[in-house]
Amino acid sequence: MDTNVLIWIIVAIVVVAVIIGVVIFLGKRGTSRTDANRRKAAEIRAEAQETDLAAREREAEAARVQAEAKRAEADAQAAKVRAERLSREGAERQNEANGVRAKVDEHLQRADKVDPDVNPDQGKHRR
């Protein structure tokens, strides 16, 4: 074998070894980037899950507050109806009391007409 051929074989082996080394290095580098991207994606997903949980908690609180507001509105409406009913009942009782008072005055006036000790010009009842 000629020395030149031997040198070209050695150079070819070195070049092939360097190419294989570069391919392995780039493959590992690509794998480490892929792994880093996977970790980053997992972190982003975890953050999204936390944000989703917080959003659902806020939605549940909003629904609870809205339900409480509706209950308060219903209670207020019931109180308004009760107040109106009590107001009517109070007015009816006042009318009844006025009627009773009118009957009492009527009885006193009849008693004054019958009583010889009452002066009709004074307009006062004996009680």
C-alpha atoms as a PDB file:
ATOM      1  CA  MET A   1       0.000   0.000   0.000  1.00  0.00           C
ATOM      2  CA  ASP A   2       1.014   3.344  -0.825  1.00  0.00           C
ATOM      3  CA  THR A   3       1.496   5.981   1.872  1.00  0.00           C
ATOM      4  CA  ASN A   4      -0.868   8.334   0.150  1.00  0.00           C
ATOM      5  CA  VAL A   5      -3.621   5.777   0.163  1.00  0.00           C
ATOM      6  CA  LEU A   6      -2.988   5.074   3.805  1.00  0.00           C
ATOM      7  CA  ILE A   7      -3.134   8.796   4.624  1.00  0.00           C
ATOM      8  CA  TRP A   8      -6.420   9.131   2.684  1.00  0.00           C
ATOM      9  CA  ILE A   9      -7.894   6.168   4.549  1.00  0.00           C
ATOM     10  CA  ILE A  10      -6.867   7.673   7.892  1.00  0.00           C
ATOM     11  CA  VAL A  11      -8.247  11.082   6.876  1.00  0.00           C
ATOM     12  CA  ALA A  12     -11.491   9.449   5.760  1.00  0.00           C
ATOM     13  CA  ILE A  13     -11.777   7.575   9.066  1.00  0.00           C
ATOM     14  CA  VAL A  14     -11.126  10.801  11.013  1.00  0.00           C
ATOM     15  CA  VAL A  15     -13.668  12.711   8.913  1.00  0.00           C
ATOM     16  CA  VAL A  16     -16.258   9.973   9.389  1.00  0.00           C
ATOM     17  CA  ALA A  17     -15.526   9.930  13.150  1.00  0.00           C
ATOM     18  CA  VAL A  18     -15.883  13.735  13.310  1.00  0.00           C
ATOM     19  CA  ILE A  19     -19.146  13.588  11.365  1.00  0.00           C
ATOM     20  CA  ILE A  20     -20.455  10.859  13.673  1.00  0.00           C
ATOM     21  CA  GLY A  21     -19.376  12.922  16.687  1.00  0.00           C
ATOM     22  CA  VAL A  22     -21.127  16.039  15.343  1.00  0.00           C
ATOM     23  CA  VAL A  23     -24.298  14.066  14.611  1.00  0.00           C
ATOM     24  CA  ILE A  24     -24.287  12.588  18.124  1.00  0.00           C
ATOM     25  CA  PHE A  25     -23.603  16.027  19.667  1.00  0.00           C
ATOM     26  CA  LEU A  26     -26.395  17.674  17.681  1.00  0.00           C
ATOM     27  CA  GLY A  27     -28.741  14.793  18.464  1.00  0.00           C
ATOM     28  CA  LYS A  28     -28.099  15.158  22.192  1.00  0.00           C
ATOM     29  CA  ARG A  29     -28.394  18.912  21.934  1.00  0.00           C
ATOM     30  CA  GLY A  30     -31.723  18.522  20.142  1.00  0.00           C
ATOM     31  CA  THR A  31     -32.855  16.026  22.769  1.00  0.00           C
ATOM     32  CA  SER A  32     -31.946  18.392  25.598  1.00  0.00           C
ATOM     33  CA  ARG A  33     -33.887  21.181  23.884  1.00  0.00           C
ATOM     34  CA  THR A  34     -36.819  18.820  23.419  1.00  0.00           C
ATOM     35  CA  ASP A  35     -36.663  17.851  27.083  1.00  0.00           C
ATOM     36  CA  ALA A  36     -36.460  21.524  28.079  1.00  0.00           C
ATOM     37  CA  ASN A  37     -39.454  22.288  25.873  1.00  0.00           C
ATOM     38  CA  ARG A  38     -41.360  19.405  27.445  1.00  0.00           C
ATOM     39  CA  ARG A  39     -40.587  20.736  30.931  1.00  0.00           C
ATOM     40  CA  LYS A  40     -41.621  24.245  29.892  1.00  0.00           C
ATOM     41  CA  ALA A  41     -44.876  22.913  28.397  1.00  0.00           C
ATOM     42  CA  ALA A  42     -45.573  21.001  31.624  1.00  0.00           C
ATOM     43  CA  GLU A  43     -45.003  24.196  33.658  1.00  0.00           C
ATOM     44  CA  ILE A  44     -47.337  26.158  31.380  1.00  0.00           C
ATOM     45  CA  ARG A  45     -50.000  23.436  31.700  1.00  0.00           C
ATOM     46  CA  ALA A  46     -49.661  23.466  35.509  1.00  0.00           C
ATOM     47  CA  GLU A  47     -50.085  27.268  35.522  1.00  0.00           C
ATOM     48  CA  ALA A  48     -53.142  26.911  33.267  1.00  0.00           C
ATOM     49  CA  GLN A  49     -54.662  24.362  35.658  1.00  0.00           C
ATOM     50  CA  GLU A  50     -54.076  26.699  38.625  1.00  0.00           C
ATOM     51  CA  THR A  51     -55.619  29.600  36.715  1.00  0.00           C
ATOM     52  CA  ASP A  52     -58.592  27.422  35.733  1.00  0.00           C
ATOM     53  CA  LEU A  53     -59.099  26.376  39.347  1.00  0.00           C
ATOM     54  CA  ALA A  54     -58.988  30.008  40.495  1.00  0.00           C
ATOM     55  CA  ALA A  55     -61.476  30.975  37.766  1.00  0.00           C
ATOM     56  CA  ARG A  56     -63.873  28.191  38.791  1.00  0.00           C
ATOM     57  CA  GLU A  57     -63.608  29.287  42.436  1.00  0.00           C
ATOM     58  CA  ARG A  58     -64.471  32.863  41.442  1.00  0.00           C
ATOM     59  CA  GLU A  59     -67.394  31.653  39.329  1.00  0.00           C
ATOM     60  CA  ALA A  60     -68.715  29.611  42.263  1.00  0.00           C
ATOM     61  CA  GLU A  61     -68.402  32.623  44.579  1.00  0.00           C
ATOM     62  CA  ALA A  62     -70.196  34.824  42.031  1.00  0.00           C
ATOM     63  CA  ALA A  63     -73.025  32.288  41.763  1.00  0.00           C
ATOM     64  CA  ARG A  64     -73.281  32.134  45.576  1.00  0.00           C
ATOM     65  CA  VAL A  65     -73.446  35.926  45.842  1.00  0.00           C
ATOM     66  CA  GLN A  66     -76.074  36.108  43.085  1.00  0.00           C
ATOM     67  CA  ALA A  67     -78.169  33.478  44.856  1.00  0.00           C
ATOM     68  CA  GLU A  68     -77.831  35.411  48.108  1.00  0.00           C
ATOM     69  CA  ALA A  69     -78.917  38.600  46.342  1.00  0.00           C
ATOM     70  CA  LYS A  70     -81.982  36.841  44.910  1.00  0.00           C
ATOM     71  CA  ARG A  71     -82.851  35.534  48.370  1.00  0.00           C
ATOM     72  CA  ALA A  72     -82.504  39.040  49.780  1.00  0.00           C
ATOM     73  CA  GLU A  73     -84.743  40.419  47.012  1.00  0.00           C
ATOM     74  CA  ALA A  74     -87.344  37.725  47.740  1.00  0.00           C
ATOM     75  CA  ASP A  75     -87.156  38.505  51.469  1.00  0.00           C
ATOM     76  CA  ALA A  76     -87.563  42.212  50.731  1.00  0.00           C
ATOM     77  CA  GLN A  77     -90.564  41.543  48.503  1.00  0.00           C
ATOM     78  CA  ALA A  78     -92.133  39.336  51.195  1.00  0.00           C
ATOM     79  CA  ALA A  79     -91.509  42.058  53.798  1.00  0.00           C
ATOM     80  CA  LYS A  80     -93.113  44.654  51.499  1.00  0.00           C
ATOM     81  CA  VAL A  81     -96.201  42.472  51.043  1.00  0.00           C
ATOM     82  CA  ARG A  82     -96.386  41.871  54.798  1.00  0.00           C
ATOM     83  CA  ALA A  83     -96.050  45.615  55.470  1.00  0.00           C
ATOM     84  CA  GLU A  84     -98.868  46.380  53.038  1.00  0.00           C
ATOM     85  CA  ARG A  85    -101.075  43.724  54.652  1.00  0.00           C
ATOM     86  CA  LEU A  86    -100.322  45.046  58.146  1.00  0.00           C
ATOM     87  CA  SER A  87    -100.984  48.600  56.994  1.00  0.00           C
ATOM     88  CA  ARG A  88    -104.414  47.584  55.645  1.00  0.00           C
ATOM     89  CA  GLU A  89    -105.123  45.635  58.814  1.00  0.00           C
ATOM     90  CA  GLY A  90    -104.125  48.654  60.905  1.00  0.00           C
ATOM     91  CA  ALA A  91    -106.408  50.913  58.869  1.00  0.00           C
ATOM     92  CA  GLU A  92    -109.292  48.448  59.299  1.00  0.00           C
ATOM     93  CA  ARG A  93    -108.741  48.306  63.043  1.00  0.00           C
ATOM     94  CA  GLN A  94    -108.571  52.090  63.197  1.00  0.00           C
ATOM     95  CA  ASN A  95    -111.906  52.249  61.346  1.00  0.00           C
ATOM     96  CA  GLU A  96    -113.355  49.736  63.795  1.00  0.00           C
ATOM     97  CA  ALA A  97    -112.025  51.795  66.706  1.00  0.00           C
ATOM     98  CA  ASN A  98    -113.534  54.949  65.197  1.00  0.00           C
ATOM     99  CA  GLY A  99    -116.857  53.132  64.868  1.00  0.00           C
ATOM    100  CA  VAL A 100    -116.720  52.011  68.493  1.00  0.00           C
ATOM    101  CA  ARG A 101    -115.724  55.539  69.547  1.00  0.00           C
ATOM    102  CA  ALA A 102    -118.701  56.947  67.592  1.00  0.00           C
ATOM    103  CA  LYS A 103    -121.048  54.512  69.349  1.00  0.00           C
ATOM    104  CA  VAL A 104    -119.623  55.507  72.735  1.00  0.00           C
ATOM    105  CA  ASP A 105    -120.168  59.187  71.920  1.00  0.00           C
ATOM    106  CA  GLU A 106    -123.675  58.406  70.730  1.00  0.00           C
ATOM    107  CA  HIS A 107    -124.453  56.538  73.982  1.00  0.00           C
ATOM    108  CA  LEU A 108    -123.035  59.383  76.042  1.00  0.00           C
ATOM    109  CA  GLN A 109    -125.122  61.917  74.169  1.00  0.00           C
ATOM    110  CA  ARG A 110    -128.270  59.840  74.777  1.00  0.00           C
ATOM    111  CA  ALA A 111    -127.311  59.527  78.444  1.00  0.00           C
ATOM    112  CA  ASP A 112    -126.824  63.306  78.647  1.00  0.00           C
ATOM    113  CA  LYS A 113    -130.269  63.864  77.174  1.00  0.00           C
ATOM    114  CA  VAL A 114    -131.800  61.576  79.747  1.00  0.00           C
ATOM    115  CA  ASP A 115    -129.713  62.785  82.738  1.00  0.00           C
ATOM    116  CA  PRO A 116    -131.382  65.731  84.527  1.00  0.00           C
ATOM    117  CA  ASP A 117    -128.051  66.865  86.048  1.00  0.00           C
ATOM    118  CA  VAL A 118    -126.363  67.593  82.695  1.00  0.00           C
ATOM    119  CA  ASN A 119    -126.725  71.035  81.191  1.00  0.00           C
ATOM    120  CA  PRO A 120    -127.303  70.562  77.429  1.00  0.00           C
ATOM    121  CA  ASP A 121    -125.863  74.046  76.683  1.00  0.00           C
ATOM    122  CA  GLN A 122    -122.425  73.110  78.022  1.00  0.00           C
ATOM    123  CA  GLY A 123    -122.089  70.229  75.539  1.00  0.00           C
ATOM    124  CA  LYS A 124    -120.055  68.130  77.965  1.00  0.00           C
ATOM    125  CA  HIS A 125    -120.667  64.547  78.855  1.00  0.00           C
ATOM    126  CA  ARG A 126    -120.504  63.056  82.260  1.00  0.00           C
ATOM    127  CA  ARG A 127    -118.079  60.250  82.477  1.00  0.00           C
END
